[in-house]
Amino acid sequence: MTILPLVINPGWYTYVLNENVDEMRPGIYEWHIAGVGTYIGKYTWISRPKREYERNVLKILNGRPYRPQKPTGFRRIHRELFDAYRNGRQIRLTILENVEPALLAKRESELIAERGTLNGR
């Protein structure tokens, strides 16, 4: 008997692109989980927030390791997204703003200090 991997239902989160933001340019994103908190991150390529987090939630769902050399390396946001998905909480990914690549880390740090309650381990 072959066991098929579990999949995530399409539309498991709401996607919001703020006005005047070009998702094809580097920027800052926010994951918001209703009743839990907010995670702030930066991206150079939009695939980071749109695909990488889903891959990590799928890995947890299917009992797979984070990385072969770091099997338990899932960050807090990965575990919180998985828990929210499993429990039917509302999840929203918002692309907040575009930022020049040289200023990404600085702007990310500013927003984490303001509202990043889920950043960290």
PDB file of N, CA and C in Angstrom:
ATOM      1  N   MET A   1       0.846  -1.177   0.000  1.00  0.00           N
ATOM      2  CA  MET A   1       0.000   0.000   0.000  1.00  0.00           C
ATOM      3  C   MET A   1       0.896   1.247   0.000  1.00  0.00           C
ATOM      4  N   THR A   2       0.621   2.159  -0.905  1.00  0.00           N
ATOM      5  CA  THR A   2       1.362   3.403  -0.994  1.00  0.00           C
ATOM      6  C   THR A   2       0.618   4.483  -0.223  1.00  0.00           C
ATOM      7  N   ILE A   3       1.334   5.184   0.627  1.00  0.00           N
ATOM      8  CA  ILE A   3       0.730   6.282   1.376  1.00  0.00           C
ATOM      9  C   ILE A   3       1.055   7.584   0.643  1.00  0.00           C
ATOM     10  N   LEU A   4       0.011   8.265   0.212  1.00  0.00           N
ATOM     11  CA  LEU A   4       0.191   9.524  -0.493  1.00  0.00           C
ATOM     12  C   LEU A   4       0.454  10.644   0.506  1.00  0.00           C
ATOM     13  N   PRO A   5       1.311  11.580   0.143  1.00  0.00           N
ATOM     14  CA  PRO A   5       1.564  12.703   1.056  1.00  0.00           C
ATOM     15  C   PRO A   5       0.325  13.573   1.210  1.00  0.00           C
ATOM     16  N   LEU A   6       0.190  14.168   2.381  1.00  0.00           N
ATOM     17  CA  LEU A   6      -0.891  15.104   2.632  1.00  0.00           C
ATOM     18  C   LEU A   6      -0.593  16.408   1.905  1.00  0.00           C
ATOM     19  N   VAL A   7      -1.638  17.073   1.471  1.00  0.00           N
ATOM     20  CA  VAL A   7      -1.486  18.344   0.758  1.00  0.00           C
ATOM     21  C   VAL A   7      -2.233  19.438   1.498  1.00  0.00           C
ATOM     22  N   ILE A   8      -1.892  20.677   1.181  1.00  0.00           N
ATOM     23  CA  ILE A   8      -2.580  21.820   1.772  1.00  0.00           C
ATOM     24  C   ILE A   8      -3.659  22.276   0.809  1.00  0.00           C
ATOM     25  N   ASN A   9      -4.819  22.570   1.359  1.00  0.00           N
ATOM     26  CA  ASN A   9      -5.913  23.048   0.532  1.00  0.00           C
ATOM     27  C   ASN A   9      -5.552  24.398  -0.090  1.00  0.00           C
ATOM     28  N   PRO A  10      -5.865  24.582  -1.374  1.00  0.00           N
ATOM     29  CA  PRO A  10      -5.636  25.908  -1.979  1.00  0.00           C
ATOM     30  C   PRO A  10      -6.411  26.967  -1.200  1.00  0.00           C
ATOM     31  N   GLY A  11      -5.860  28.157  -1.166  1.00  0.00           N
ATOM     32  CA  GLY A  11      -6.527  29.238  -0.450  1.00  0.00           C
ATOM     33  C   GLY A  11      -6.407  29.123   1.058  1.00  0.00           C
ATOM     34  N   TRP A  12      -5.367  28.430   1.541  1.00  0.00           N
ATOM     35  CA  TRP A  12      -5.206  28.242   2.988  1.00  0.00           C
ATOM     36  C   TRP A  12      -4.844  29.544   3.681  1.00  0.00           C
ATOM     37  N   TYR A  13      -4.453  30.541   2.898  1.00  0.00           N
ATOM     38  CA  TYR A  13      -4.235  31.877   3.446  1.00  0.00           C
ATOM     39  C   TYR A  13      -4.763  32.910   2.456  1.00  0.00           C
ATOM     40  N   THR A  14      -5.038  34.102   2.964  1.00  0.00           N
ATOM     41  CA  THR A  14      -5.461  35.219   2.139  1.00  0.00           C
ATOM     42  C   THR A  14      -4.222  36.006   1.736  1.00  0.00           C
ATOM     43  N   TYR A  15      -4.153  36.373   0.473  1.00  0.00           N
ATOM     44  CA  TYR A  15      -3.007  37.120  -0.044  1.00  0.00           C
ATOM     45  C   TYR A  15      -3.417  38.557  -0.306  1.00  0.00           C
ATOM     46  N   VAL A  16      -2.654  39.505   0.256  1.00  0.00           N
ATOM     47  CA  VAL A  16      -2.936  40.933   0.083  1.00  0.00           C
ATOM     48  C   VAL A  16      -1.674  41.607  -0.439  1.00  0.00           C
ATOM     49  N   LEU A  17      -1.826  42.359  -1.512  1.00  0.00           N
ATOM     50  CA  LEU A  17      -0.741  43.158  -2.058  1.00  0.00           C
ATOM     51  C   LEU A  17      -1.121  44.610  -1.826  1.00  0.00           C
ATOM     52  N   ASN A  18      -0.394  45.274  -0.927  1.00  0.00           N
ATOM     53  CA  ASN A  18      -0.715  46.667  -0.609  1.00  0.00           C
ATOM     54  C   ASN A  18      -0.634  47.539  -1.865  1.00  0.00           C
ATOM     55  N   GLU A  19      -1.391  48.620  -1.827  1.00  0.00           N
ATOM     56  CA  GLU A  19      -1.427  49.563  -2.928  1.00  0.00           C
ATOM     57  C   GLU A  19      -0.027  50.122  -3.207  1.00  0.00           C
ATOM     58  N   ASN A  20       0.276  50.281  -4.474  1.00  0.00           N
ATOM     59  CA  ASN A  20       1.563  50.827  -4.934  1.00  0.00           C
ATOM     60  C   ASN A  20       2.757  49.932  -4.633  1.00  0.00           C
ATOM     61  N   VAL A  21       2.521  48.644  -4.394  1.00  0.00           N
ATOM     62  CA  VAL A  21       3.611  47.704  -4.156  1.00  0.00           C
ATOM     63  C   VAL A  21       3.719  46.783  -5.373  1.00  0.00           C
ATOM     64  N   ASP A  22       4.931  46.590  -5.836  1.00  0.00           N
ATOM     65  CA  ASP A  22       5.214  45.700  -6.958  1.00  0.00           C
ATOM     66  C   ASP A  22       5.860  44.444  -6.387  1.00  0.00           C
ATOM     67  N   GLU A  23       5.132  43.332  -6.427  1.00  0.00           N
ATOM     68  CA  GLU A  23       5.651  42.112  -5.809  1.00  0.00           C
ATOM     69  C   GLU A  23       6.888  41.574  -6.527  1.00  0.00           C
ATOM     70  N   MET A  24       7.188  42.080  -7.692  1.00  0.00           N
ATOM     71  CA  MET A  24       8.366  41.624  -8.412  1.00  0.00           C
ATOM     72  C   MET A  24       9.636  42.380  -7.998  1.00  0.00           C
ATOM     73  N   ARG A  25       9.478  43.371  -7.150  1.00  0.00           N
ATOM     74  CA  ARG A  25      10.627  44.108  -6.604  1.00  0.00           C
ATOM     75  C   ARG A  25      10.832  43.686  -5.151  1.00  0.00           C
ATOM     76  N   PRO A  26      12.056  43.753  -4.624  1.00  0.00           N
ATOM     77  CA  PRO A  26      12.316  43.373  -3.230  1.00  0.00           C
ATOM     78  C   PRO A  26      11.429  44.152  -2.254  1.00  0.00           C
ATOM     79  N   GLY A  27      11.099  43.491  -1.155  1.00  0.00           N
ATOM     80  CA  GLY A  27      10.247  44.160  -0.192  1.00  0.00           C
ATOM     81  C   GLY A  27      10.115  43.442   1.136  1.00  0.00           C
ATOM     82  N   ILE A  28       9.088  43.878   1.856  1.00  0.00           N
ATOM     83  CA  ILE A  28       8.793  43.378   3.195  1.00  0.00           C
ATOM     84  C   ILE A  28       7.408  42.751   3.175  1.00  0.00           C
ATOM     85  N   TYR A  29       7.283  41.600   3.842  1.00  0.00           N
ATOM     86  CA  TYR A  29       5.989  40.931   3.941  1.00  0.00           C
ATOM     87  C   TYR A  29       5.625  40.702   5.400  1.00  0.00           C
ATOM     88  N   GLU A  30       4.350  40.417   5.615  1.00  0.00           N
ATOM     89  CA  GLU A  30       3.836  40.168   6.959  1.00  0.00           C
ATOM     90  C   GLU A  30       2.897  38.966   6.906  1.00  0.00           C
ATOM     91  N   TRP A  31       3.179  37.982   7.742  1.00  0.00           N
ATOM     92  CA  TRP A  31       2.222  36.899   7.987  1.00  0.00           C
ATOM     93  C   TRP A  31       1.439  37.295   9.231  1.00  0.00           C
ATOM     94  N   HIS A  32       0.122  37.265   9.149  1.00  0.00           N
ATOM     95  CA  HIS A  32      -0.701  37.551  10.315  1.00  0.00           C
ATOM     96  C   HIS A  32      -1.598  36.344  10.561  1.00  0.00           C
ATOM     97  N   ILE A  33      -1.557  35.832  11.783  1.00  0.00           N
ATOM     98  CA  ILE A  33      -2.391  34.699  12.188  1.00  0.00           C
ATOM     99  C   ILE A  33      -3.366  35.212  13.230  1.00  0.00           C
ATOM    100  N   ALA A  34      -4.651  35.118  12.913  1.00  0.00           N
ATOM    101  CA  ALA A  34      -5.690  35.638  13.797  1.00  0.00           C
ATOM    102  C   ALA A  34      -5.569  35.039  15.191  1.00  0.00           C
ATOM    103  N   GLY A  35      -5.552  35.923  16.183  1.00  0.00           N
ATOM    104  CA  GLY A  35      -5.494  35.497  17.569  1.00  0.00           C
ATOM    105  C   GLY A  35      -4.131  35.024  18.035  1.00  0.00           C
ATOM    106  N   VAL A  36      -3.134  35.063  17.154  1.00  0.00           N
ATOM    107  CA  VAL A  36      -1.808  34.563  17.510  1.00  0.00           C
ATOM    108  C   VAL A  36      -0.756  35.659  17.406  1.00  0.00           C
ATOM    109  N   GLY A  37      -0.634  36.299  16.243  1.00  0.00           N
ATOM    110  CA  GLY A  37       0.367  37.349  16.095  1.00  0.00           C
ATOM    111  C   GLY A  37       0.791  37.574  14.668  1.00  0.00           C
ATOM    112  N   THR A  38       1.892  38.289  14.537  1.00  0.00           N
ATOM    113  CA  THR A  38       2.387  38.748  13.252  1.00  0.00           C
ATOM    114  C   THR A  38       3.875  38.445  13.119  1.00  0.00           C
ATOM    115  N   TYR A  39       4.256  38.043  11.932  1.00  0.00           N
ATOM    116  CA  TYR A  39       5.655  37.781  11.596  1.00  0.00           C
ATOM    117  C   TYR A  39       6.040  38.704  10.449  1.00  0.00           C
ATOM    118  N   ILE A  40       7.161  39.363  10.550  1.00  0.00           N
ATOM    119  CA  ILE A  40       7.670  40.258   9.515  1.00  0.00           C
ATOM    120  C   ILE A  40       8.902  39.620   8.874  1.00  0.00           C
ATOM    121  N   GLY A  41       8.962  39.676   7.549  1.00  0.00           N
ATOM    122  CA  GLY A  41      10.117  39.148   6.831  1.00  0.00           C
ATOM    123  C   GLY A  41      10.444  39.990   5.619  1.00  0.00           C
ATOM    124  N   LYS A  42      11.603  39.729   5.050  1.00  0.00           N
ATOM    125  CA  LYS A  42      12.024  40.442   3.848  1.00  0.00           C
ATOM    126  C   LYS A  42      12.201  39.429   2.718  1.00  0.00           C
ATOM    127  N   TYR A  43      12.084  39.927   1.485  1.00  0.00           N
ATOM    128  CA  TYR A  43      12.305  39.050   0.346  1.00  0.00           C
ATOM    129  C   TYR A  43      13.010  39.809  -0.765  1.00  0.00           C
ATOM    130  N   THR A  44      13.778  39.071  -1.522  1.00  0.00           N
ATOM    131  CA  THR A  44      14.351  39.574  -2.761  1.00  0.00           C
ATOM    132  C   THR A  44      13.504  39.047  -3.913  1.00  0.00           C
ATOM    133  N   TRP A  45      13.086  37.796  -3.798  1.00  0.00           N
ATOM    134  CA  TRP A  45      12.221  37.139  -4.773  1.00  0.00           C
ATOM    135  C   TRP A  45      10.910  36.792  -4.089  1.00  0.00           C
ATOM    136  N   ILE A  46       9.802  37.065  -4.745  1.00  0.00           N
ATOM    137  CA  ILE A  46       8.466  36.863  -4.165  1.00  0.00           C
ATOM    138  C   ILE A  46       8.189  35.398  -3.839  1.00  0.00           C
ATOM    139  N   SER A  47       8.951  34.483  -4.430  1.00  0.00           N
ATOM    140  CA  SER A  47       8.734  33.068  -4.117  1.00  0.00           C
ATOM    141  C   SER A  47       9.013  32.758  -2.648  1.00  0.00           C
ATOM    142  N   ARG A  48       9.829  33.556  -1.994  1.00  0.00           N
ATOM    143  CA  ARG A  48      10.122  33.292  -0.571  1.00  0.00           C
ATOM    144  C   ARG A  48       8.854  33.293   0.262  1.00  0.00           C
ATOM    145  N   PRO A  49       8.133  34.393   0.324  1.00  0.00           N
ATOM    146  CA  PRO A  49       6.932  34.324   1.154  1.00  0.00           C
ATOM    147  C   PRO A  49       5.803  33.500   0.530  1.00  0.00           C
ATOM    148  N   LYS A  50       5.710  33.457  -0.771  1.00  0.00           N
ATOM    149  CA  LYS A  50       4.572  32.786  -1.408  1.00  0.00           C
ATOM    150  C   LYS A  50       4.726  31.277  -1.498  1.00  0.00           C
ATOM    151  N   ARG A  51       5.957  30.766  -1.549  1.00  0.00           N
ATOM    152  CA  ARG A  51       6.132  29.320  -1.727  1.00  0.00           C
ATOM    153  C   ARG A  51       6.892  28.630  -0.601  1.00  0.00           C
ATOM    154  N   GLU A  52       7.943  29.269  -0.105  1.00  0.00           N
ATOM    155  CA  GLU A  52       8.798  28.602   0.881  1.00  0.00           C
ATOM    156  C   GLU A  52       8.067  28.273   2.183  1.00  0.00           C
ATOM    157  N   TYR A  53       7.208  29.163   2.630  1.00  0.00           N
ATOM    158  CA  TYR A  53       6.487  28.899   3.884  1.00  0.00           C
ATOM    159  C   TYR A  53       5.500  27.750   3.706  1.00  0.00           C
ATOM    160  N   GLU A  54       4.844  27.716   2.570  1.00  0.00           N
ATOM    161  CA  GLU A  54       3.927  26.597   2.300  1.00  0.00           C
ATOM    162  C   GLU A  54       4.691  25.281   2.273  1.00  0.00           C
ATOM    163  N   ARG A  55       5.860  25.267   1.663  1.00  0.00           N
ATOM    164  CA  ARG A  55       6.681  24.044   1.650  1.00  0.00           C
ATOM    165  C   ARG A  55       7.013  23.577   3.065  1.00  0.00           C
ATOM    166  N   ASN A  56       7.340  24.525   3.938  1.00  0.00           N
ATOM    167  CA  ASN A  56       7.676  24.145   5.308  1.00  0.00           C
ATOM    168  C   ASN A  56       6.457  23.658   6.079  1.00  0.00           C
ATOM    169  N   VAL A  57       5.304  24.260   5.864  1.00  0.00           N
ATOM    170  CA  VAL A  57       4.077  23.769   6.498  1.00  0.00           C
ATOM    171  C   VAL A  57       3.773  22.356   5.998  1.00  0.00           C
ATOM    172  N   LEU A  58       3.953  22.122   4.709  1.00  0.00           N
ATOM    173  CA  LEU A  58       3.751  20.779   4.148  1.00  0.00           C
ATOM    174  C   LEU A  58       4.710  19.763   4.758  1.00  0.00           C
ATOM    175  N   LYS A  59       5.957  20.163   4.962  1.00  0.00           N
ATOM    176  CA  LYS A  59       6.923  19.253   5.585  1.00  0.00           C
ATOM    177  C   LYS A  59       6.467  18.859   6.986  1.00  0.00           C
ATOM    178  N   ILE A  60       6.011  19.822   7.757  1.00  0.00           N
ATOM    179  CA  ILE A  60       5.525  19.499   9.109  1.00  0.00           C
ATOM    180  C   ILE A  60       4.313  18.587   9.010  1.00  0.00           C
ATOM    181  N   LEU A  61       3.387  18.921   8.132  1.00  0.00           N
ATOM    182  CA  LEU A  61       2.159  18.135   7.948  1.00  0.00           C
ATOM    183  C   LEU A  61       2.473  16.681   7.609  1.00  0.00           C
ATOM    184  N   ASN A  62       3.525  16.475   6.824  1.00  0.00           N
ATOM    185  CA  ASN A  62       3.888  15.131   6.370  1.00  0.00           C
ATOM    186  C   ASN A  62       4.997  14.487   7.196  1.00  0.00           C
ATOM    187  N   GLY A  63       5.386  15.115   8.312  1.00  0.00           N
ATOM    188  CA  GLY A  63       6.399  14.534   9.185  1.00  0.00           C
ATOM    189  C   GLY A  63       7.787  14.483   8.574  1.00  0.00           C
ATOM    190  N   ARG A  64       8.067  15.402   7.672  1.00  0.00           N
ATOM    191  CA  ARG A  64       9.377  15.445   7.021  1.00  0.00           C
ATOM    192  C   ARG A  64      10.287  16.448   7.737  1.00  0.00           C
ATOM    193  N   PRO A  65      11.598  16.284   7.610  1.00  0.00           N
ATOM    194  CA  PRO A  65      12.530  17.201   8.285  1.00  0.00           C
ATOM    195  C   PRO A  65      12.592  18.557   7.585  1.00  0.00           C
ATOM    196  N   TYR A  66      13.021  19.550   8.326  1.00  0.00           N
ATOM    197  CA  TYR A  66      13.216  20.897   7.783  1.00  0.00           C
ATOM    198  C   TYR A  66      14.275  20.852   6.677  1.00  0.00           C
ATOM    199  N   ARG A  67      15.441  20.359   7.006  1.00  0.00           N
ATOM    200  CA  ARG A  67      16.549  20.156   6.066  1.00  0.00           C
ATOM    201  C   ARG A  67      17.259  18.874   6.518  1.00  0.00           C
ATOM    202  N   PRO A  68      17.890  18.151   5.598  1.00  0.00           N
ATOM    203  CA  PRO A  68      18.587  16.914   6.013  1.00  0.00           C
ATOM    204  C   PRO A  68      19.614  17.147   7.123  1.00  0.00           C
ATOM    205  N   GLN A  69      20.378  18.241   7.037  1.00  0.00           N
ATOM    206  CA  GLN A  69      21.399  18.506   8.040  1.00  0.00           C
ATOM    207  C   GLN A  69      20.851  19.233   9.264  1.00  0.00           C
ATOM    208  N   LYS A  70      19.584  19.649   9.222  1.00  0.00           N
ATOM    209  CA  LYS A  70      18.965  20.389  10.327  1.00  0.00           C
ATOM    210  C   LYS A  70      17.487  19.969  10.430  1.00  0.00           C
ATOM    211  N   PRO A  71      17.220  18.711  10.748  1.00  0.00           N
ATOM    212  CA  PRO A  71      15.852  18.181  10.668  1.00  0.00           C
ATOM    213  C   PRO A  71      14.819  18.873  11.552  1.00  0.00           C
ATOM    214  N   THR A  72      15.235  19.409  12.682  1.00  0.00           N
ATOM    215  CA  THR A  72      14.281  20.059  13.581  1.00  0.00           C
ATOM    216  C   THR A  72      14.385  21.583  13.532  1.00  0.00           C
ATOM    217  N   GLY A  73      14.876  22.107  12.427  1.00  0.00           N
ATOM    218  CA  GLY A  73      15.159  23.532  12.317  1.00  0.00           C
ATOM    219  C   GLY A  73      13.977  24.427  11.976  1.00  0.00           C
ATOM    220  N   PHE A  74      12.768  23.905  12.041  1.00  0.00           N
ATOM    221  CA  PHE A  74      11.623  24.756  11.740  1.00  0.00           C
ATOM    222  C   PHE A  74      11.587  25.942  12.695  1.00  0.00           C
ATOM    223  N   ARG A  75      11.347  27.136  12.127  1.00  0.00           N
ATOM    224  CA  ARG A  75      11.243  28.329  12.951  1.00  0.00           C
ATOM    225  C   ARG A  75       9.841  28.442  13.529  1.00  0.00           C
ATOM    226  N   ARG A  76       9.720  29.338  14.485  1.00  0.00           N
ATOM    227  CA  ARG A  76       8.429  29.537  15.166  1.00  0.00           C
ATOM    228  C   ARG A  76       7.316  29.827  14.164  1.00  0.00           C
ATOM    229  N   ILE A  77       7.570  30.667  13.152  1.00  0.00           N
ATOM    230  CA  ILE A  77       6.527  31.005  12.199  1.00  0.00           C
ATOM    231  C   ILE A  77       6.056  29.766  11.433  1.00  0.00           C
ATOM    232  N   HIS A  78       6.945  28.848  11.126  1.00  0.00           N
ATOM    233  CA  HIS A  78       6.538  27.625  10.434  1.00  0.00           C
ATOM    234  C   HIS A  78       5.580  26.815  11.307  1.00  0.00           C
ATOM    235  N   ARG A  79       5.941  26.674  12.583  1.00  0.00           N
ATOM    236  CA  ARG A  79       5.098  25.896  13.506  1.00  0.00           C
ATOM    237  C   ARG A  79       3.754  26.585  13.739  1.00  0.00           C
ATOM    238  N   GLU A  80       3.765  27.913  13.853  1.00  0.00           N
ATOM    239  CA  GLU A  80       2.515  28.668  14.070  1.00  0.00           C
ATOM    240  C   GLU A  80       1.614  28.607  12.841  1.00  0.00           C
ATOM    241  N   LEU A  81       2.205  28.689  11.636  1.00  0.00           N
ATOM    242  CA  LEU A  81       1.398  28.572  10.414  1.00  0.00           C
ATOM    243  C   LEU A  81       0.777  27.182  10.317  1.00  0.00           C
ATOM    244  N   PHE A  82       1.555  26.160  10.633  1.00  0.00           N
ATOM    245  CA  PHE A  82       1.027  24.798  10.625  1.00  0.00           C
ATOM    246  C   PHE A  82      -0.126  24.654  11.613  1.00  0.00           C
ATOM    247  N   ASP A  83       0.087  25.130  12.821  1.00  0.00           N
ATOM    248  CA  ASP A  83      -0.954  25.040  13.853  1.00  0.00           C
ATOM    249  C   ASP A  83      -2.215  25.802  13.430  1.00  0.00           C
ATOM    250  N   ALA A  84      -2.036  26.984  12.862  1.00  0.00           N
ATOM    251  CA  ALA A  84      -3.183  27.783  12.402  1.00  0.00           C
ATOM    252  C   ALA A  84      -3.914  27.072  11.277  1.00  0.00           C
ATOM    253  N   TYR A  85      -3.173  26.502  10.351  1.00  0.00           N
ATOM    254  CA  TYR A  85      -3.794  25.758   9.253  1.00  0.00           C
ATOM    255  C   TYR A  85      -4.591  24.573   9.797  1.00  0.00           C
ATOM    256  N   ARG A  86      -3.968  23.817  10.654  1.00  0.00           N
ATOM    257  CA  ARG A  86      -4.601  22.625  11.233  1.00  0.00           C
ATOM    258  C   ARG A  86      -5.853  22.974  12.020  1.00  0.00           C
ATOM    259  N   ASN A  87      -5.850  24.136  12.685  1.00  0.00           N
ATOM    260  CA  ASN A  87      -6.980  24.529  13.529  1.00  0.00           C
ATOM    261  C   ASN A  87      -7.942  25.509  12.876  1.00  0.00           C
ATOM    262  N   GLY A  88      -7.752  25.774  11.586  1.00  0.00           N
ATOM    263  CA  GLY A  88      -8.688  26.609  10.847  1.00  0.00           C
ATOM    264  C   GLY A  88      -8.666  28.087  11.206  1.00  0.00           C
ATOM    265  N   ARG A  89      -7.535  28.563  11.707  1.00  0.00           N
ATOM    266  CA  ARG A  89      -7.431  29.990  12.003  1.00  0.00           C
ATOM    267  C   ARG A  89      -7.215  30.775  10.714  1.00  0.00           C
ATOM    268  N   GLN A  90      -7.640  32.015  10.721  1.00  0.00           N
ATOM    269  CA  GLN A  90      -7.444  32.875   9.567  1.00  0.00           C
ATOM    270  C   GLN A  90      -5.974  33.265   9.465  1.00  0.00           C
ATOM    271  N   ILE A  91      -5.427  33.121   8.254  1.00  0.00           N
ATOM    272  CA  ILE A  91      -4.023  33.451   7.975  1.00  0.00           C
ATOM    273  C   ILE A  91      -4.011  34.429   6.803  1.00  0.00           C
ATOM    274  N   ARG A  92      -3.195  35.477   6.950  1.00  0.00           N
ATOM    275  CA  ARG A  92      -3.095  36.465   5.877  1.00  0.00           C
ATOM    276  C   ARG A  92      -1.617  36.774   5.608  1.00  0.00           C
ATOM    277  N   LEU A  93      -1.255  36.748   4.336  1.00  0.00           N
ATOM    278  CA  LEU A  93       0.072  37.172   3.901  1.00  0.00           C
ATOM    279  C   LEU A  93      -0.100  38.500   3.183  1.00  0.00           C
ATOM    280  N   THR A  94       0.541  39.544   3.699  1.00  0.00           N
ATOM    281  CA  THR A  94       0.469  40.869   3.090  1.00  0.00           C
ATOM    282  C   THR A  94       1.855  41.292   2.640  1.00  0.00           C
ATOM    283  N   ILE A  95       1.942  41.715   1.380  1.00  0.00           N
ATOM    284  CA  ILE A  95       3.178  42.309   0.893  1.00  0.00           C
ATOM    285  C   ILE A  95       3.052  43.790   1.222  1.00  0.00           C
ATOM    286  N   LEU A  96       3.827  44.233   2.203  1.00  0.00           N
ATOM    287  CA  LEU A  96       3.648  45.556   2.791  1.00  0.00           C
ATOM    288  C   LEU A  96       4.209  46.695   1.955  1.00  0.00           C
ATOM    289  N   GLU A  97       5.460  46.533   1.525  1.00  0.00           N
ATOM    290  CA  GLU A  97       6.113  47.656   0.853  1.00  0.00           C
ATOM    291  C   GLU A  97       7.338  47.173   0.107  1.00  0.00           C
ATOM    292  N   ASN A  98       7.746  47.954  -0.878  1.00  0.00           N
ATOM    293  CA  ASN A  98       9.004  47.712  -1.572  1.00  0.00           C
ATOM    294  C   ASN A  98      10.105  48.485  -0.866  1.00  0.00           C
ATOM    295  N   VAL A  99      11.284  47.897  -0.858  1.00  0.00           N
ATOM    296  CA  VAL A  99      12.437  48.498  -0.199  1.00  0.00           C
ATOM    297  C   VAL A  99      13.655  48.238  -1.072  1.00  0.00           C
ATOM    298  N   GLU A 100      14.514  49.224  -1.176  1.00  0.00           N
ATOM    299  CA  GLU A 100      15.770  49.036  -1.910  1.00  0.00           C
ATOM    300  C   GLU A 100      16.554  47.902  -1.237  1.00  0.00           C
ATOM    301  N   PRO A 101      17.161  47.017  -2.025  1.00  0.00           N
ATOM    302  CA  PRO A 101      17.871  45.868  -1.447  1.00  0.00           C
ATOM    303  C   PRO A 101      18.853  46.219  -0.335  1.00  0.00           C
ATOM    304  N   ALA A 102      19.574  47.298  -0.456  1.00  0.00           N
ATOM    305  CA  ALA A 102      20.560  47.671   0.566  1.00  0.00           C
ATOM    306  C   ALA A 102      19.910  48.052   1.893  1.00  0.00           C
ATOM    307  N   LEU A 103      18.631  48.379   1.871  1.00  0.00           N
ATOM    308  CA  LEU A 103      17.928  48.812   3.087  1.00  0.00           C
ATOM    309  C   LEU A 103      16.966  47.762   3.644  1.00  0.00           C
ATOM    310  N   LEU A 104      16.893  46.595   3.011  1.00  0.00           N
ATOM    311  CA  LEU A 104      15.941  45.563   3.442  1.00  0.00           C
ATOM    312  C   LEU A 104      16.106  45.163   4.903  1.00  0.00           C
ATOM    313  N   ALA A 105      17.312  44.827   5.310  1.00  0.00           N
ATOM    314  CA  ALA A 105      17.532  44.353   6.684  1.00  0.00           C
ATOM    315  C   ALA A 105      17.169  45.429   7.704  1.00  0.00           C
ATOM    316  N   LYS A 106      17.531  46.659   7.428  1.00  0.00           N
ATOM    317  CA  LYS A 106      17.217  47.757   8.349  1.00  0.00           C
ATOM    318  C   LYS A 106      15.709  47.944   8.473  1.00  0.00           C
ATOM    319  N   ARG A 107      15.013  47.960   7.338  1.00  0.00           N
ATOM    320  CA  ARG A 107      13.561  48.169   7.378  1.00  0.00           C
ATOM    321  C   ARG A 107      12.857  46.978   8.029  1.00  0.00           C
ATOM    322  N   GLU A 108      13.330  45.784   7.756  1.00  0.00           N
ATOM    323  CA  GLU A 108      12.757  44.593   8.393  1.00  0.00           C
ATOM    324  C   GLU A 108      12.896  44.702   9.909  1.00  0.00           C
ATOM    325  N   SER A 109      14.058  45.092  10.385  1.00  0.00           N
ATOM    326  CA  SER A 109      14.280  45.233  11.832  1.00  0.00           C
ATOM    327  C   SER A 109      13.352  46.264  12.449  1.00  0.00           C
ATOM    328  N   GLU A 110      13.140  47.384  11.759  1.00  0.00           N
ATOM    329  CA  GLU A 110      12.229  48.411  12.256  1.00  0.00           C
ATOM    330  C   GLU A 110      10.809  47.863  12.416  1.00  0.00           C
ATOM    331  N   LEU A 111      10.342  47.149  11.407  1.00  0.00           N
ATOM    332  CA  LEU A 111       8.975  46.612  11.465  1.00  0.00           C
ATOM    333  C   LEU A 111       8.849  45.466  12.469  1.00  0.00           C
ATOM    334  N   ILE A 112       9.888  44.677  12.624  1.00  0.00           N
ATOM    335  CA  ILE A 112       9.865  43.624  13.650  1.00  0.00           C
ATOM    336  C   ILE A 112       9.709  44.271  15.023  1.00  0.00           C
ATOM    337  N   ALA A 113      10.449  45.335  15.275  1.00  0.00           N
ATOM    338  CA  ALA A 113      10.351  46.029  16.566  1.00  0.00           C
ATOM    339  C   ALA A 113       8.956  46.604  16.783  1.00  0.00           C
ATOM    340  N   GLU A 114       8.311  47.048  15.726  1.00  0.00           N
ATOM    341  CA  GLU A 114       6.970  47.638  15.832  1.00  0.00           C
ATOM    342  C   GLU A 114       5.877  46.596  15.987  1.00  0.00           C
ATOM    343  N   ARG A 115       5.978  45.485  15.234  1.00  0.00           N
ATOM    344  CA  ARG A 115       4.834  44.574  15.189  1.00  0.00           C
ATOM    345  C   ARG A 115       5.141  43.101  14.997  1.00  0.00           C
ATOM    346  N   GLY A 116       6.397  42.704  15.046  1.00  0.00           N
ATOM    347  CA  GLY A 116       6.765  41.314  14.783  1.00  0.00           C
ATOM    348  C   GLY A 116       6.679  40.405  15.978  1.00  0.00           C
ATOM    349  N   THR A 117       5.489  40.109  16.446  1.00  0.00           N
ATOM    350  CA  THR A 117       5.319  39.310  17.659  1.00  0.00           C
ATOM    351  C   THR A 117       5.719  37.845  17.497  1.00  0.00           C
ATOM    352  N   LEU A 118       5.787  37.345  16.263  1.00  0.00           N
ATOM    353  CA  LEU A 118       6.130  35.931  16.031  1.00  0.00           C
ATOM    354  C   LEU A 118       7.561  35.752  15.521  1.00  0.00           C
ATOM    355  N   ASN A 119       8.303  36.833  15.408  1.00  0.00           N
ATOM    356  CA  ASN A 119       9.693  36.693  14.970  1.00  0.00           C
ATOM    357  C   ASN A 119      10.511  36.102  16.100  1.00  0.00           C
ATOM    358  N   GLY A 120      11.444  35.248  15.744  1.00  0.00           N
ATOM    359  CA  GLY A 120      12.265  34.580  16.748  1.00  0.00           C
ATOM    360  C   GLY A 120      11.934  33.106  16.848  1.00  0.00           C
ATOM    361  N   ARG A 121      12.651  32.425  17.654  1.00  0.00           N
ATOM    362  CA  ARG A 121      12.491  30.969  17.788  1.00  0.00           C
ATOM    363  C   ARG A 121      11.299  30.668  18.658  1.00  0.00           C
TER     364      ARG A 121
END
